[in-house]
C-alpha cells in the first residue's frame, strides 16, 4: 500500500499556506489504477466465458490461467493478454498455419466498450460526465430534418 503524501506547508509573514496538490495527484492516480483493475477483471471474466465456448475447452483447468491483466502502477495503464507460448492463448488469438484466428481478446474488448466506459466512469467523474453527454445525443435521428423538434 502506497503512503499518501503529506500536504506541503509554507509559512510566510504569519500566514500558513497548505498545498494539497500532491495528495490530489495521488488520489487521481489511485482512482485510475482502481478503475483499470476493475476493468481488467471484468474483461478477463468475459474472455474466459468466450473461450469456454470453444470445442474441448469447457472443463479445461488450464484455461482459467491463460488470460491475464496487468494494471501497471507507473504507466497507469491496463495490459490484457494471454500467457506466452500457449496453444490456447496467442496461437488462437493471432492464428497460425495449423490454428485458425479466433481473436477472443480483441473481439471481447470491442464488444465490451460501453461496459468499459461505465466501469471507468464509476471511478472517474470526467468519464461519467462524458457518458451522460453521449447518452443525451440521439444518433438515431441524424437524418431527420423535422423542424418541429
Protein backbone atom coordinates (compact mmCIF):
# COMPACT_ATOMS: atom_id res chain seq x y z
CA UNK A 1 0.00 0.00 0.00
CA UNK A 2 1.42 3.33 -1.01
CA UNK A 3 1.70 6.12 1.50
CA UNK A 4 -0.46 9.22 1.00
CA UNK A 5 1.80 12.27 0.69
CA UNK A 6 1.55 14.89 3.41
CA UNK A 7 0.48 18.37 2.36
CA UNK A 8 3.25 20.92 1.82
CA UNK A 9 3.10 23.68 4.43
CA UNK A 10 4.67 27.07 3.87
CA UNK A 11 4.76 29.90 6.41
CA UNK A 12 5.22 33.48 5.33
CA UNK A 13 4.50 36.57 7.43
CA UNK A 14 2.40 34.59 9.91
CA UNK A 15 0.21 33.05 7.19
CA UNK A 16 0.35 29.30 6.70
CA UNK A 17 -0.26 28.06 3.14
CA UNK A 18 -1.18 24.41 2.75
CA UNK A 19 -0.77 22.85 -0.70
CA UNK A 20 -2.55 19.53 -1.21
CA UNK A 21 -1.57 19.16 -4.86
CA UNK A 22 0.49 16.03 -4.18
CA UNK A 23 -2.39 14.44 -2.29
CA UNK A 24 -4.83 15.23 -5.11
CA UNK A 25 -2.45 13.81 -7.72
CA UNK A 26 -2.02 10.67 -5.61
CA UNK A 27 -5.79 10.29 -5.30
CA UNK A 28 -6.31 10.63 -9.06
CA UNK A 29 -3.51 8.15 -9.72
CA UNK A 30 -5.04 5.59 -7.36
CA UNK A 31 -8.54 6.10 -8.82
CA UNK A 32 -7.19 5.42 -12.30
CA UNK A 33 -5.47 2.25 -11.07
CA UNK A 34 -8.63 1.06 -9.31
CA UNK A 35 -10.65 1.67 -12.49
CA UNK A 36 -8.09 -0.28 -14.53
CA UNK A 37 -8.18 -3.21 -12.10
CA UNK A 38 -11.99 -3.35 -12.19
CA UNK A 39 -11.98 -3.14 -16.00
CA UNK A 40 -9.35 -5.86 -16.28
CA UNK A 41 -11.27 -8.21 -14.01
CA UNK A 42 -14.47 -7.65 -15.99
CA UNK A 43 -12.78 -8.24 -19.36
CA UNK A 44 -10.99 -11.35 -18.10
CA UNK A 45 -14.30 -12.86 -16.96
CA UNK A 46 -15.84 -12.17 -20.38
CA UNK A 47 -12.82 -13.61 -22.22
CA UNK A 48 -12.92 -16.81 -20.17
CA UNK A 49 -16.64 -17.14 -20.84
CA UNK A 50 -15.99 -16.76 -24.56
CA UNK A 51 -13.02 -19.17 -24.53
CA UNK A 52 -15.02 -21.87 -22.76
CA UNK A 53 -17.37 -21.97 -25.76
CA UNK A 54 -14.58 -23.42 -27.91
CA UNK A 55 -14.63 -27.18 -28.52
CA UNK A 56 -12.93 -29.13 -25.75
CA UNK A 57 -12.35 -26.10 -23.51
CA UNK A 58 -15.45 -26.22 -21.34
CA UNK A 59 -13.82 -28.06 -18.44
CA UNK A 60 -10.18 -27.27 -19.13
CA UNK A 61 -8.44 -26.31 -15.89
CA UNK A 62 -5.53 -24.57 -17.58
CA UNK A 63 -7.82 -22.15 -19.38
CA UNK A 64 -8.51 -20.18 -16.20
CA UNK A 65 -4.85 -19.17 -16.03
CA UNK A 66 -4.49 -18.40 -19.73
CA UNK A 67 -5.90 -14.86 -19.77
CA UNK A 68 -4.40 -12.21 -17.53
CA UNK A 69 -4.45 -8.48 -17.00
CA UNK A 70 -1.91 -6.12 -15.53
CA UNK A 71 -2.86 -2.72 -14.12
CA UNK A 72 0.56 -1.11 -14.15
CA UNK A 73 1.39 1.40 -11.42
CA UNK A 74 3.91 3.72 -13.07
CA UNK A 75 2.35 3.82 -16.52
CA UNK A 76 -1.22 3.86 -15.13
CA UNK A 77 -2.43 1.71 -17.99
CA UNK A 78 -4.08 -1.66 -18.41
CA UNK A 79 -2.49 -4.54 -20.31
CA UNK A 80 -4.65 -7.52 -21.21
CA UNK A 81 -3.26 -10.66 -22.77
CA UNK A 82 -2.61 -14.35 -22.57
CA UNK A 83 0.38 -16.32 -21.37
CA UNK A 84 3.12 -16.71 -23.91
CA UNK A 85 3.77 -19.85 -25.91
CA UNK A 86 0.41 -21.50 -25.24
CA UNK A 87 -1.70 -23.09 -27.95
CA UNK A 88 -4.88 -21.81 -26.31
CA UNK A 89 -3.55 -18.28 -25.95
CA UNK A 90 -1.56 -16.43 -28.57
CA UNK A 91 -1.93 -19.07 -31.28
CA UNK A 92 -5.72 -18.86 -31.22
CA UNK A 93 -5.72 -15.06 -30.89
CA UNK A 94 -3.46 -14.41 -33.88
CA UNK A 95 -3.79 -17.68 -35.77
CA UNK A 96 -1.08 -19.94 -37.16
CA UNK A 97 -0.76 -22.29 -40.11
CA UNK A 98 -2.45 -25.05 -38.11
CA UNK A 99 -4.73 -22.92 -35.92
CA UNK A 100 -7.44 -20.55 -37.19
CA UNK A 101 -7.56 -16.98 -35.93
CA UNK A 102 -10.25 -16.60 -33.26
CA UNK A 103 -9.40 -13.17 -31.77
CA UNK A 104 -11.03 -13.71 -28.38
CA UNK A 105 -9.24 -10.81 -26.67
CA UNK A 106 -9.83 -8.28 -29.44
CA UNK A 107 -13.47 -9.19 -30.04
CA UNK A 108 -14.25 -9.16 -26.31
CA UNK A 109 -12.72 -5.72 -25.81
CA UNK A 110 -14.58 -4.32 -28.83
CA UNK A 111 -17.89 -5.82 -27.70
CA UNK A 112 -17.48 -4.52 -24.14
CA UNK A 113 -16.61 -0.90 -24.98
CA UNK A 114 -19.78 0.52 -23.42
CA UNK A 115 -19.32 -1.54 -20.24
CA UNK A 116 -15.69 -0.41 -20.03
CA UNK A 117 -16.84 3.23 -20.16
CA UNK A 118 -19.40 2.54 -17.41
CA UNK A 119 -16.84 0.87 -15.15
CA UNK A 120 -14.27 3.62 -15.71
CA UNK A 121 -17.00 6.24 -15.17
CA UNK A 122 -17.77 4.85 -11.71
CA UNK A 123 -14.25 5.81 -10.64
CA UNK A 124 -13.54 8.93 -12.68
CA UNK A 125 -16.20 11.64 -12.85
CA UNK A 126 -14.98 13.21 -16.12
CA UNK A 127 -15.69 9.95 -17.95
CA UNK A 128 -19.09 9.75 -16.27
CA UNK A 129 -19.92 13.28 -17.47
CA UNK A 130 -18.88 12.31 -21.00
CA UNK A 131 -21.10 9.20 -20.79
CA UNK A 132 -24.07 11.40 -19.85
CA UNK A 133 -23.35 13.73 -22.76
CA UNK A 134 -23.14 10.81 -25.19
CA UNK A 135 -26.43 9.45 -23.89
CA UNK A 136 -28.08 12.83 -24.48
CA UNK A 137 -27.01 12.86 -28.12
CA UNK A 138 -29.53 10.91 -30.15
CA UNK A 139 -27.61 9.39 -33.07
CA UNK A 140 -30.66 7.53 -34.40
CA UNK A 141 -32.29 10.72 -35.70
CA UNK A 142 -29.34 12.19 -37.56
CA UNK A 143 -31.08 12.12 -40.93
CA UNK A 144 -34.36 13.67 -39.76
CA UNK A 145 -34.96 17.27 -40.72
CA UNK A 146 -38.04 17.80 -38.65
CA UNK A 147 -38.33 21.49 -37.74
CA UNK A 148 -40.96 20.85 -35.04
CA UNK A 149 -38.44 19.34 -32.58
